N, C-alpha and C. Protein backbone atom coordinates (compact mmCIF):
# COMPACT_ATOMS: atom_id res chain seq x y z
N MET A 1 0.88 -1.19 -0.03
CA MET A 1 -0.01 -0.02 0.01
C MET A 1 0.88 1.25 -0.03
N ALA A 2 0.83 2.04 -1.03
CA ALA A 2 1.62 3.29 -1.07
C ALA A 2 0.96 4.26 -0.12
N THR A 3 1.74 5.06 0.56
CA THR A 3 1.22 5.93 1.56
C THR A 3 1.22 7.43 1.18
N ASN A 4 1.76 7.74 0.00
CA ASN A 4 1.73 9.14 -0.48
C ASN A 4 1.90 9.17 -1.95
N LEU A 5 1.95 10.39 -2.50
CA LEU A 5 2.01 10.58 -3.96
C LEU A 5 3.32 10.15 -4.53
N ASP A 6 4.36 9.98 -3.73
CA ASP A 6 5.65 9.52 -4.22
C ASP A 6 5.70 7.99 -4.28
N ASN A 7 4.60 7.30 -4.06
CA ASN A 7 4.53 5.86 -4.11
C ASN A 7 5.48 5.17 -3.11
N LEU A 8 5.58 5.78 -1.95
CA LEU A 8 6.43 5.20 -0.94
C LEU A 8 5.65 4.31 -0.03
N GLU A 9 6.25 3.15 0.27
CA GLU A 9 5.76 2.21 1.29
C GLU A 9 6.53 2.41 2.56
N VAL A 10 5.91 2.74 3.63
CA VAL A 10 6.52 2.93 4.93
C VAL A 10 5.96 1.90 5.84
N GLU A 11 6.82 1.00 6.34
CA GLU A 11 6.26 -0.16 7.08
C GLU A 11 7.11 -0.56 8.26
N GLY A 12 6.46 -1.21 9.19
CA GLY A 12 7.18 -1.92 10.27
C GLY A 12 6.76 -3.32 10.37
N LYS A 13 7.64 -4.21 10.50
CA LYS A 13 7.32 -5.63 10.55
C LYS A 13 7.79 -6.24 11.88
N PHE A 14 6.98 -7.13 12.44
CA PHE A 14 7.30 -7.67 13.76
C PHE A 14 6.99 -9.17 13.75
N PHE A 15 7.93 -9.97 14.29
CA PHE A 15 7.68 -11.37 14.46
C PHE A 15 6.79 -11.59 15.69
N VAL A 16 5.70 -12.31 15.49
CA VAL A 16 4.68 -12.53 16.53
C VAL A 16 4.28 -13.98 16.50
N PRO A 17 4.74 -14.78 17.42
CA PRO A 17 4.46 -16.23 17.34
C PRO A 17 2.93 -16.48 17.42
N ASP A 18 2.16 -15.71 18.19
CA ASP A 18 0.73 -15.96 18.36
C ASP A 18 -0.08 -14.79 17.75
N LEU A 19 -0.57 -14.95 16.55
CA LEU A 19 -1.33 -13.90 15.92
C LEU A 19 -2.71 -13.66 16.50
N ALA A 20 -3.20 -14.71 17.19
CA ALA A 20 -4.54 -14.60 17.77
C ALA A 20 -4.59 -13.46 18.82
N ILE A 21 -3.47 -13.29 19.55
CA ILE A 21 -3.45 -12.22 20.55
C ILE A 21 -3.50 -10.85 19.88
N VAL A 22 -2.74 -10.68 18.83
CA VAL A 22 -2.79 -9.40 18.09
C VAL A 22 -4.13 -9.13 17.47
N ARG A 23 -4.72 -10.23 16.90
CA ARG A 23 -6.03 -10.05 16.30
C ARG A 23 -7.07 -9.60 17.32
N ALA A 24 -7.02 -10.18 18.49
CA ALA A 24 -7.95 -9.82 19.56
C ALA A 24 -7.73 -8.36 19.95
N ARG A 25 -6.52 -7.95 20.02
CA ARG A 25 -6.23 -6.54 20.42
C ARG A 25 -6.77 -5.59 19.30
N LEU A 26 -6.59 -5.95 18.05
CA LEU A 26 -7.08 -5.12 16.98
C LEU A 26 -8.58 -4.91 17.07
N LEU A 27 -9.30 -6.03 17.27
CA LEU A 27 -10.73 -5.94 17.38
C LEU A 27 -11.17 -5.11 18.60
N ALA A 28 -10.43 -5.26 19.70
CA ALA A 28 -10.77 -4.55 20.93
C ALA A 28 -10.57 -3.03 20.72
N LEU A 29 -9.62 -2.69 19.80
CA LEU A 29 -9.32 -1.27 19.50
C LEU A 29 -10.26 -0.71 18.46
N GLY A 30 -11.17 -1.55 17.93
CA GLY A 30 -12.10 -1.07 16.93
C GLY A 30 -11.60 -1.13 15.52
N ALA A 31 -10.49 -1.88 15.29
CA ALA A 31 -10.00 -2.01 13.93
C ALA A 31 -11.00 -2.75 13.08
N MET A 32 -11.05 -2.40 11.78
CA MET A 32 -11.96 -2.99 10.83
C MET A 32 -11.24 -3.99 9.93
N VAL A 33 -11.86 -5.12 9.66
CA VAL A 33 -11.33 -6.09 8.71
C VAL A 33 -11.53 -5.49 7.32
N VAL A 34 -10.46 -5.29 6.58
CA VAL A 34 -10.62 -4.77 5.22
C VAL A 34 -10.38 -5.85 4.17
N ARG A 35 -9.68 -6.90 4.51
CA ARG A 35 -9.55 -8.06 3.66
C ARG A 35 -9.50 -9.31 4.49
N ALA A 36 -10.42 -10.19 4.23
CA ALA A 36 -10.53 -11.47 4.96
C ALA A 36 -9.27 -12.29 4.70
N ARG A 37 -8.97 -13.20 5.60
CA ARG A 37 -7.79 -14.07 5.50
C ARG A 37 -7.87 -14.78 4.12
N VAL A 38 -6.75 -14.74 3.42
CA VAL A 38 -6.71 -15.33 2.08
C VAL A 38 -5.31 -15.88 1.81
N PHE A 39 -5.23 -16.87 1.01
CA PHE A 39 -3.91 -17.46 0.62
C PHE A 39 -3.32 -16.67 -0.53
N GLU A 40 -2.05 -16.36 -0.43
CA GLU A 40 -1.34 -15.67 -1.46
C GLU A 40 -0.24 -16.55 -2.07
N ARG A 41 -0.19 -16.51 -3.39
CA ARG A 41 1.02 -17.12 -4.09
C ARG A 41 1.75 -15.98 -4.75
N ASN A 42 3.05 -15.89 -4.52
CA ASN A 42 3.89 -14.85 -5.04
C ASN A 42 5.04 -15.47 -5.82
N VAL A 43 5.35 -14.86 -6.93
CA VAL A 43 6.51 -15.30 -7.74
C VAL A 43 7.40 -14.07 -8.04
N ARG A 44 8.63 -14.18 -7.61
CA ARG A 44 9.60 -13.08 -7.89
C ARG A 44 10.31 -13.39 -9.21
N PHE A 45 10.41 -12.39 -10.08
CA PHE A 45 11.05 -12.52 -11.40
C PHE A 45 12.34 -11.74 -11.42
N ASP A 46 13.30 -12.24 -12.18
CA ASP A 46 14.59 -11.58 -12.30
C ASP A 46 15.20 -11.92 -13.66
N THR A 47 16.26 -11.20 -13.97
CA THR A 47 17.04 -11.56 -15.14
C THR A 47 17.85 -12.82 -14.84
N GLU A 48 18.42 -13.42 -15.86
CA GLU A 48 19.10 -14.68 -15.69
C GLU A 48 20.33 -14.54 -14.75
N ASP A 49 20.94 -13.30 -14.77
CA ASP A 49 22.07 -13.07 -13.92
C ASP A 49 21.68 -12.43 -12.60
N GLY A 50 20.43 -12.35 -12.25
CA GLY A 50 20.01 -11.82 -10.98
C GLY A 50 20.21 -10.33 -10.83
N GLY A 51 20.11 -9.60 -11.96
CA GLY A 51 20.39 -8.19 -11.90
C GLY A 51 19.48 -7.34 -11.06
N LEU A 52 18.19 -7.71 -11.00
CA LEU A 52 17.26 -6.93 -10.18
C LEU A 52 17.62 -7.09 -8.66
N GLN A 53 17.89 -8.33 -8.31
CA GLN A 53 18.18 -8.57 -6.88
C GLN A 53 19.48 -7.86 -6.51
N GLU A 54 20.44 -7.86 -7.40
CA GLU A 54 21.71 -7.11 -7.10
C GLU A 54 21.50 -5.66 -6.86
N ARG A 55 20.47 -5.09 -7.52
CA ARG A 55 20.12 -3.66 -7.37
C ARG A 55 19.11 -3.42 -6.27
N TRP A 56 18.80 -4.47 -5.50
CA TRP A 56 17.85 -4.43 -4.40
C TRP A 56 16.42 -4.03 -4.92
N GLN A 57 16.10 -4.59 -6.07
CA GLN A 57 14.80 -4.38 -6.65
C GLN A 57 14.02 -5.69 -6.73
N LEU A 58 12.71 -5.55 -6.59
CA LEU A 58 11.84 -6.70 -6.59
C LEU A 58 10.72 -6.49 -7.66
N LEU A 59 10.60 -7.52 -8.50
CA LEU A 59 9.49 -7.54 -9.43
C LEU A 59 8.71 -8.81 -9.20
N ARG A 60 7.41 -8.65 -8.85
CA ARG A 60 6.65 -9.77 -8.32
C ARG A 60 5.26 -9.78 -8.90
N LEU A 61 4.79 -11.02 -9.14
CA LEU A 61 3.37 -11.29 -9.42
C LEU A 61 2.78 -11.94 -8.19
N ARG A 62 1.68 -11.40 -7.70
CA ARG A 62 1.00 -11.96 -6.52
C ARG A 62 -0.44 -12.34 -6.98
N GLU A 63 -0.83 -13.51 -6.57
CA GLU A 63 -2.17 -14.02 -6.85
C GLU A 63 -2.89 -14.37 -5.57
N ASP A 64 -3.97 -13.67 -5.30
CA ASP A 64 -4.91 -14.02 -4.23
C ASP A 64 -6.30 -14.01 -4.76
N THR A 65 -7.10 -13.02 -4.41
CA THR A 65 -8.43 -12.84 -5.01
C THR A 65 -8.30 -12.12 -6.35
N ALA A 66 -7.13 -11.56 -6.63
CA ALA A 66 -6.84 -10.89 -7.83
C ALA A 66 -5.38 -11.14 -8.25
N VAL A 67 -4.90 -10.59 -9.33
CA VAL A 67 -3.50 -10.75 -9.69
C VAL A 67 -2.91 -9.36 -9.71
N THR A 68 -1.81 -9.17 -9.01
CA THR A 68 -1.16 -7.86 -8.84
C THR A 68 0.26 -7.93 -9.20
N LEU A 69 0.71 -6.98 -10.05
CA LEU A 69 2.06 -6.84 -10.45
C LEU A 69 2.73 -5.70 -9.59
N THR A 70 3.82 -6.03 -8.98
CA THR A 70 4.46 -5.08 -8.06
C THR A 70 5.97 -4.89 -8.39
N PHE A 71 6.38 -3.67 -8.34
CA PHE A 71 7.83 -3.35 -8.35
C PHE A 71 8.17 -2.63 -7.07
N LYS A 72 9.28 -3.05 -6.41
CA LYS A 72 9.77 -2.37 -5.25
C LYS A 72 11.23 -2.09 -5.41
N GLY A 73 11.68 -0.90 -4.95
CA GLY A 73 13.09 -0.54 -5.04
C GLY A 73 13.34 0.59 -4.11
N ASP A 74 14.58 1.06 -4.09
CA ASP A 74 14.94 2.19 -3.25
C ASP A 74 14.15 3.43 -3.65
N PRO A 75 13.80 4.28 -2.71
CA PRO A 75 13.10 5.56 -3.06
C PRO A 75 13.96 6.39 -4.02
N GLN A 76 13.26 7.13 -4.86
CA GLN A 76 13.99 7.98 -5.82
C GLN A 76 14.73 9.11 -5.13
N LYS A 77 14.22 9.53 -3.91
CA LYS A 77 14.92 10.50 -3.09
C LYS A 77 15.18 9.88 -1.72
N ALA A 78 16.34 10.23 -1.16
CA ALA A 78 16.67 9.70 0.13
C ALA A 78 15.61 10.08 1.18
N VAL A 79 15.28 9.14 2.06
CA VAL A 79 14.28 9.34 3.12
C VAL A 79 14.88 8.94 4.42
N GLU A 80 14.83 9.81 5.40
CA GLU A 80 15.25 9.48 6.77
C GLU A 80 14.05 8.87 7.54
N SER A 81 14.22 7.67 8.01
CA SER A 81 13.12 7.04 8.71
C SER A 81 13.64 5.91 9.57
N GLU A 82 12.97 5.67 10.67
CA GLU A 82 13.26 4.48 11.49
C GLU A 82 12.50 3.26 11.00
N ALA A 83 11.56 3.44 10.06
CA ALA A 83 10.80 2.35 9.45
C ALA A 83 11.51 1.94 8.18
N ARG A 84 10.99 0.90 7.60
CA ARG A 84 11.50 0.44 6.25
C ARG A 84 10.76 1.20 5.20
N VAL A 85 11.51 1.88 4.34
CA VAL A 85 10.87 2.73 3.31
C VAL A 85 11.34 2.25 1.94
N CYS A 86 10.43 2.04 1.01
CA CYS A 86 10.84 1.71 -0.36
C CYS A 86 9.81 2.27 -1.32
N GLU A 87 10.21 2.44 -2.58
CA GLU A 87 9.25 2.78 -3.61
C GLU A 87 8.44 1.55 -3.98
N GLU A 88 7.13 1.70 -4.05
CA GLU A 88 6.28 0.58 -4.40
C GLU A 88 5.35 1.00 -5.53
N LEU A 89 5.42 0.31 -6.62
CA LEU A 89 4.52 0.60 -7.77
C LEU A 89 3.70 -0.66 -8.04
N GLU A 90 2.38 -0.55 -8.02
CA GLU A 90 1.52 -1.69 -8.16
C GLU A 90 0.42 -1.44 -9.22
N VAL A 91 0.06 -2.51 -9.88
CA VAL A 91 -1.05 -2.42 -10.80
C VAL A 91 -1.69 -3.83 -10.87
N GLN A 92 -2.98 -3.91 -11.00
CA GLN A 92 -3.63 -5.21 -11.15
C GLN A 92 -3.56 -5.57 -12.67
N VAL A 93 -3.38 -6.86 -12.95
CA VAL A 93 -3.41 -7.44 -14.25
C VAL A 93 -4.47 -8.56 -14.23
N SER A 94 -4.92 -8.91 -15.42
CA SER A 94 -6.03 -9.83 -15.53
C SER A 94 -5.63 -11.30 -15.59
N ASP A 95 -4.39 -11.57 -15.98
CA ASP A 95 -4.00 -12.97 -16.26
C ASP A 95 -2.60 -13.22 -15.81
N PHE A 96 -2.44 -14.02 -14.74
CA PHE A 96 -1.13 -14.34 -14.16
C PHE A 96 -0.22 -15.02 -15.23
N ASP A 97 -0.76 -16.06 -15.88
CA ASP A 97 0.06 -16.82 -16.79
C ASP A 97 0.50 -16.01 -18.00
N MET A 98 -0.40 -15.09 -18.50
CA MET A 98 -0.03 -14.28 -19.61
C MET A 98 1.05 -13.28 -19.28
N MET A 99 0.97 -12.75 -18.03
CA MET A 99 2.01 -11.76 -17.62
C MET A 99 3.31 -12.52 -17.47
N ARG A 100 3.28 -13.75 -16.96
CA ARG A 100 4.50 -14.55 -16.85
C ARG A 100 5.13 -14.82 -18.22
N LEU A 101 4.29 -15.04 -19.24
CA LEU A 101 4.76 -15.22 -20.60
C LEU A 101 5.40 -13.96 -21.15
N ILE A 102 4.79 -12.83 -20.87
CA ILE A 102 5.33 -11.52 -21.31
C ILE A 102 6.73 -11.35 -20.67
N PHE A 103 6.83 -11.61 -19.39
CA PHE A 103 8.13 -11.48 -18.76
C PHE A 103 9.17 -12.40 -19.39
N ALA A 104 8.77 -13.65 -19.74
CA ALA A 104 9.72 -14.56 -20.37
C ALA A 104 10.24 -14.04 -21.69
N ARG A 105 9.33 -13.34 -22.45
CA ARG A 105 9.76 -12.76 -23.70
C ARG A 105 10.76 -11.63 -23.48
N LEU A 106 10.67 -11.02 -22.33
CA LEU A 106 11.56 -9.92 -22.01
C LEU A 106 12.82 -10.36 -21.26
N GLY A 107 12.99 -11.70 -21.14
CA GLY A 107 14.17 -12.22 -20.42
C GLY A 107 14.07 -12.20 -18.89
N LEU A 108 12.84 -12.07 -18.44
CA LEU A 108 12.59 -12.10 -16.99
C LEU A 108 12.01 -13.45 -16.57
N LEU A 109 12.68 -14.19 -15.73
CA LEU A 109 12.33 -15.56 -15.42
C LEU A 109 11.91 -15.71 -14.01
N PRO A 110 11.02 -16.70 -13.63
CA PRO A 110 10.72 -16.94 -12.25
C PRO A 110 11.99 -17.29 -11.46
N ALA A 111 12.22 -16.54 -10.40
CA ALA A 111 13.43 -16.78 -9.63
C ALA A 111 13.17 -17.39 -8.24
N GLN A 112 11.95 -17.14 -7.75
CA GLN A 112 11.63 -17.63 -6.39
C GLN A 112 10.16 -17.51 -6.15
N SER A 113 9.61 -18.52 -5.43
CA SER A 113 8.20 -18.45 -5.09
C SER A 113 8.06 -18.34 -3.58
N TYR A 114 7.03 -17.65 -3.09
CA TYR A 114 6.74 -17.68 -1.70
C TYR A 114 5.29 -17.54 -1.42
N GLU A 115 4.84 -18.13 -0.33
CA GLU A 115 3.43 -18.24 -0.02
C GLU A 115 3.17 -17.68 1.37
N LYS A 116 1.89 -17.22 1.59
CA LYS A 116 1.45 -16.85 2.91
C LYS A 116 -0.03 -16.73 2.95
N TYR A 117 -0.53 -16.76 4.18
CA TYR A 117 -1.93 -16.36 4.40
C TYR A 117 -1.92 -15.00 4.99
N ARG A 118 -2.81 -14.13 4.56
CA ARG A 118 -2.84 -12.72 5.03
C ARG A 118 -4.26 -12.28 5.35
N GLU A 119 -4.41 -11.58 6.44
CA GLU A 119 -5.65 -10.95 6.82
C GLU A 119 -5.30 -9.47 7.13
N ALA A 120 -6.08 -8.52 6.61
CA ALA A 120 -5.75 -7.11 6.67
C ALA A 120 -6.82 -6.29 7.44
N PHE A 121 -6.35 -5.40 8.30
CA PHE A 121 -7.21 -4.54 9.09
C PHE A 121 -6.81 -3.12 8.90
N SER A 122 -7.81 -2.22 9.18
CA SER A 122 -7.55 -0.80 9.20
C SER A 122 -7.66 -0.30 10.62
N LEU A 123 -6.64 0.29 11.14
CA LEU A 123 -6.58 0.82 12.48
C LEU A 123 -6.26 2.31 12.35
N GLY A 124 -7.27 3.18 12.35
CA GLY A 124 -7.04 4.58 12.07
C GLY A 124 -6.49 4.74 10.67
N ASP A 125 -5.34 5.40 10.54
CA ASP A 125 -4.70 5.63 9.24
C ASP A 125 -3.66 4.53 8.94
N VAL A 126 -3.62 3.50 9.71
CA VAL A 126 -2.61 2.44 9.53
C VAL A 126 -3.30 1.15 9.03
N GLU A 127 -2.67 0.55 8.02
CA GLU A 127 -3.07 -0.81 7.65
C GLU A 127 -2.23 -1.80 8.41
N VAL A 128 -2.89 -2.75 9.06
CA VAL A 128 -2.23 -3.76 9.83
C VAL A 128 -2.58 -5.09 9.23
N VAL A 129 -1.56 -5.90 8.83
CA VAL A 129 -1.84 -7.16 8.24
C VAL A 129 -1.21 -8.25 9.12
N LEU A 130 -1.92 -9.38 9.20
CA LEU A 130 -1.46 -10.55 9.95
C LEU A 130 -1.02 -11.55 8.90
N ASP A 131 0.26 -11.89 8.91
CA ASP A 131 0.80 -12.80 7.90
C ASP A 131 1.25 -14.10 8.48
N GLU A 132 0.81 -15.18 7.91
CA GLU A 132 1.22 -16.54 8.31
C GLU A 132 2.09 -17.06 7.16
N LEU A 133 3.40 -17.25 7.46
CA LEU A 133 4.30 -17.74 6.46
C LEU A 133 4.77 -19.13 6.85
N PRO A 134 5.34 -19.87 5.92
CA PRO A 134 5.82 -21.24 6.27
C PRO A 134 6.77 -21.31 7.42
N TYR A 135 7.56 -20.19 7.65
CA TYR A 135 8.54 -20.24 8.69
C TYR A 135 8.19 -19.45 9.92
N GLY A 136 6.98 -18.88 9.99
CA GLY A 136 6.63 -18.14 11.19
C GLY A 136 5.51 -17.07 10.86
N ASN A 137 5.06 -16.41 11.92
CA ASN A 137 3.96 -15.42 11.82
C ASN A 137 4.50 -14.03 12.09
N PHE A 138 3.87 -13.04 11.40
CA PHE A 138 4.33 -11.70 11.47
C PHE A 138 3.14 -10.71 11.45
N VAL A 139 3.39 -9.52 11.99
CA VAL A 139 2.47 -8.40 11.88
C VAL A 139 3.20 -7.31 11.04
N GLU A 140 2.59 -6.84 10.00
CA GLU A 140 3.12 -5.72 9.22
C GLU A 140 2.17 -4.54 9.38
N LEU A 141 2.76 -3.37 9.57
CA LEU A 141 1.94 -2.15 9.64
C LEU A 141 2.49 -1.18 8.59
N GLU A 142 1.57 -0.50 7.92
CA GLU A 142 1.93 0.47 6.85
C GLU A 142 1.15 1.75 7.11
N GLY A 143 1.90 2.88 6.97
CA GLY A 143 1.31 4.20 7.17
C GLY A 143 2.42 5.22 7.43
N ALA A 144 2.00 6.38 7.83
CA ALA A 144 3.03 7.38 8.24
C ALA A 144 3.78 6.94 9.50
N GLU A 145 5.06 7.24 9.55
CA GLU A 145 5.86 6.70 10.67
C GLU A 145 5.34 7.08 12.01
N VAL A 146 4.84 8.25 12.22
CA VAL A 146 4.28 8.66 13.52
C VAL A 146 3.08 7.78 13.84
N ASP A 147 2.23 7.51 12.88
CA ASP A 147 1.08 6.62 13.07
C ASP A 147 1.49 5.18 13.34
N LEU A 148 2.51 4.76 12.66
CA LEU A 148 3.01 3.39 12.89
C LEU A 148 3.44 3.21 14.34
N LYS A 149 4.17 4.17 14.91
CA LYS A 149 4.63 4.04 16.27
C LYS A 149 3.51 4.02 17.26
N THR A 150 2.44 4.81 16.99
CA THR A 150 1.31 4.86 17.84
C THR A 150 0.61 3.46 17.84
N ALA A 151 0.39 2.92 16.60
CA ALA A 151 -0.28 1.64 16.48
C ALA A 151 0.51 0.54 17.09
N VAL A 152 1.84 0.54 16.92
CA VAL A 152 2.71 -0.48 17.53
C VAL A 152 2.55 -0.44 19.06
N SER A 153 2.48 0.71 19.63
CA SER A 153 2.33 0.83 21.10
C SER A 153 0.99 0.29 21.51
N LEU A 154 -0.09 0.65 20.79
CA LEU A 154 -1.44 0.19 21.10
C LEU A 154 -1.58 -1.31 21.03
N LEU A 155 -0.82 -1.94 20.14
CA LEU A 155 -0.88 -3.37 19.94
C LEU A 155 0.06 -4.15 20.91
N GLY A 156 0.78 -3.41 21.74
CA GLY A 156 1.66 -4.05 22.67
C GLY A 156 2.90 -4.59 22.08
N LEU A 157 3.31 -4.10 20.94
CA LEU A 157 4.53 -4.52 20.21
C LEU A 157 5.69 -3.60 20.65
N ASP A 158 6.88 -4.05 20.42
CA ASP A 158 8.08 -3.30 20.78
C ASP A 158 8.76 -2.72 19.52
N TRP A 159 8.65 -1.38 19.36
CA TRP A 159 9.22 -0.71 18.20
C TRP A 159 10.70 -1.09 17.97
N ASN A 160 11.41 -1.26 19.09
CA ASN A 160 12.87 -1.61 18.97
C ASN A 160 13.07 -3.00 18.38
N LYS A 161 12.04 -3.81 18.28
CA LYS A 161 12.20 -5.14 17.69
C LYS A 161 11.65 -5.24 16.28
N ARG A 162 11.45 -4.07 15.66
CA ARG A 162 10.98 -4.03 14.27
C ARG A 162 12.03 -4.67 13.35
N ILE A 163 11.56 -5.28 12.27
CA ILE A 163 12.42 -5.96 11.31
C ILE A 163 12.42 -5.12 10.02
N LEU A 164 13.61 -4.86 9.51
CA LEU A 164 13.72 -3.91 8.39
C LEU A 164 14.06 -4.58 7.11
N ILE A 165 14.07 -5.92 7.07
CA ILE A 165 14.32 -6.62 5.83
C ILE A 165 13.04 -7.39 5.46
N ASN A 166 12.88 -7.73 4.17
CA ASN A 166 11.67 -8.39 3.73
C ASN A 166 11.71 -9.87 3.98
N TYR A 167 10.59 -10.55 3.69
CA TYR A 167 10.45 -11.92 3.97
C TYR A 167 11.46 -12.76 3.17
N LEU A 168 11.85 -12.40 2.00
CA LEU A 168 12.82 -13.13 1.23
C LEU A 168 14.19 -12.96 1.77
N GLY A 169 14.49 -11.76 2.36
CA GLY A 169 15.77 -11.56 3.04
C GLY A 169 15.90 -12.44 4.27
N LEU A 170 14.80 -12.57 4.98
CA LEU A 170 14.80 -13.46 6.16
C LEU A 170 14.95 -14.92 5.71
N MET A 171 14.32 -15.27 4.59
CA MET A 171 14.44 -16.62 4.07
C MET A 171 15.92 -16.92 3.74
N GLN A 172 16.59 -15.96 3.17
CA GLN A 172 18.02 -16.19 2.84
C GLN A 172 18.86 -16.41 4.06
N GLN A 173 18.59 -15.62 5.12
CA GLN A 173 19.34 -15.75 6.30
C GLN A 173 19.07 -17.15 6.94
N LEU A 174 17.82 -17.59 6.96
CA LEU A 174 17.48 -18.88 7.49
C LEU A 174 18.11 -20.00 6.71
N GLN A 175 18.14 -19.87 5.41
CA GLN A 175 18.74 -20.84 4.51
C GLN A 175 20.20 -20.96 4.76
N GLU A 176 20.88 -19.86 4.97
CA GLU A 176 22.31 -19.86 5.24
C GLU A 176 22.57 -20.54 6.61
N LYS A 177 21.71 -20.28 7.57
CA LYS A 177 21.88 -20.85 8.93
C LYS A 177 21.76 -22.40 8.91
N HIS A 178 20.78 -22.92 8.16
CA HIS A 178 20.46 -24.31 8.24
C HIS A 178 20.91 -25.06 6.98
N ASN A 179 21.40 -24.35 5.97
CA ASN A 179 21.91 -24.96 4.74
C ASN A 179 20.90 -25.86 4.12
N PHE A 180 19.68 -25.49 4.04
CA PHE A 180 18.69 -26.37 3.29
C PHE A 180 18.78 -26.09 1.80
N PRO A 181 18.40 -27.04 1.00
CA PRO A 181 18.71 -27.00 -0.48
C PRO A 181 17.67 -26.27 -1.31
N PHE A 182 16.58 -25.76 -0.77
CA PHE A 182 15.57 -25.14 -1.55
C PHE A 182 15.52 -23.63 -1.36
N ASP A 183 15.06 -22.90 -2.38
CA ASP A 183 14.93 -21.43 -2.35
C ASP A 183 13.48 -20.98 -2.16
N ASP A 184 12.53 -21.79 -2.47
CA ASP A 184 11.14 -21.36 -2.42
C ASP A 184 10.57 -21.43 -1.04
N LEU A 185 9.90 -20.37 -0.64
CA LEU A 185 9.31 -20.18 0.68
C LEU A 185 7.88 -20.66 0.61
N THR A 186 7.68 -21.99 0.57
CA THR A 186 6.34 -22.57 0.39
C THR A 186 6.05 -23.46 1.57
N PHE A 187 4.75 -23.65 1.83
CA PHE A 187 4.31 -24.47 2.96
C PHE A 187 4.76 -25.93 2.70
N ALA A 188 4.81 -26.38 1.49
CA ALA A 188 5.22 -27.74 1.20
C ALA A 188 6.69 -27.97 1.60
N ASN A 189 7.51 -26.96 1.31
CA ASN A 189 8.94 -27.10 1.59
C ASN A 189 9.26 -27.16 3.11
N PHE A 190 8.39 -26.54 3.89
CA PHE A 190 8.62 -26.42 5.31
C PHE A 190 7.76 -27.41 6.11
N ALA A 191 6.96 -28.27 5.41
CA ALA A 191 5.98 -29.12 6.10
C ALA A 191 6.61 -30.06 7.07
N ASP A 192 7.79 -30.64 6.76
CA ASP A 192 8.37 -31.58 7.67
C ASP A 192 9.67 -31.05 8.31
N LYS A 193 9.81 -29.71 8.39
CA LYS A 193 11.02 -29.11 8.92
C LYS A 193 10.77 -28.66 10.39
N SER A 194 11.77 -28.83 11.22
CA SER A 194 11.62 -28.42 12.63
C SER A 194 12.09 -27.02 12.91
N PHE A 195 12.74 -26.42 11.95
CA PHE A 195 13.26 -25.04 12.19
C PHE A 195 12.27 -23.98 11.64
N SER A 196 12.40 -22.80 12.27
CA SER A 196 11.58 -21.63 11.88
C SER A 196 12.39 -20.37 11.99
N ILE A 197 11.73 -19.29 11.65
CA ILE A 197 12.40 -18.02 11.71
C ILE A 197 12.78 -17.64 13.12
N ALA A 198 12.15 -18.25 14.10
CA ALA A 198 12.49 -17.98 15.50
C ALA A 198 13.93 -18.37 15.79
N ASP A 199 14.49 -19.28 14.99
CA ASP A 199 15.87 -19.66 15.15
C ASP A 199 16.82 -18.49 14.98
N LEU A 200 16.43 -17.54 14.15
CA LEU A 200 17.19 -16.29 13.94
C LEU A 200 16.80 -15.18 14.82
N LEU A 201 15.51 -14.91 14.95
CA LEU A 201 15.03 -13.72 15.62
C LEU A 201 15.06 -13.82 17.12
N LEU A 202 15.05 -15.04 17.66
CA LEU A 202 15.03 -15.19 19.10
C LEU A 202 16.42 -15.72 19.63
N ASP A 203 17.44 -15.69 18.79
CA ASP A 203 18.73 -16.11 19.20
C ASP A 203 19.29 -15.14 20.28
């Protein structure tokens, strides 16, 4: 969700083992459900040599109740913030497979898949999403930084424990720690694994 005319995404992410507690707090605070819990399939695309990733850019197709094409990268202008800030450009497309074929013609290939379940709430001017990933559960908040800090406090989270890297960055760190052979962050890949992101974040 872009938060201003510069298409900036300003977010805070928190590891939360028990999402039910946060969900109960959201409802007690009067937060409104804006998107019911839904399964998301995401595919990251890149050039054969990984050029987008090297430039810290993300090109993604996401499929849930719709198909969304997203580009994320560094802001065009430097931004001072304690939150994670990136440029986010999004548009809905009608056909996942056709968009994938167009990318292939342009030399952009599927590089990594990741899955999650997501439920979204509106708490004042902040969007709060509850994310269930194969390696753990998270709360993400998007909005103006001052509003993020207020919402974090209301939800009983610790701003000092915010995570400033994305889910794929966490996946890479977990992969390096445990040396597992797969790159895709899918529920099938983690179904019989005993490790989780808590191995990193709670060390």
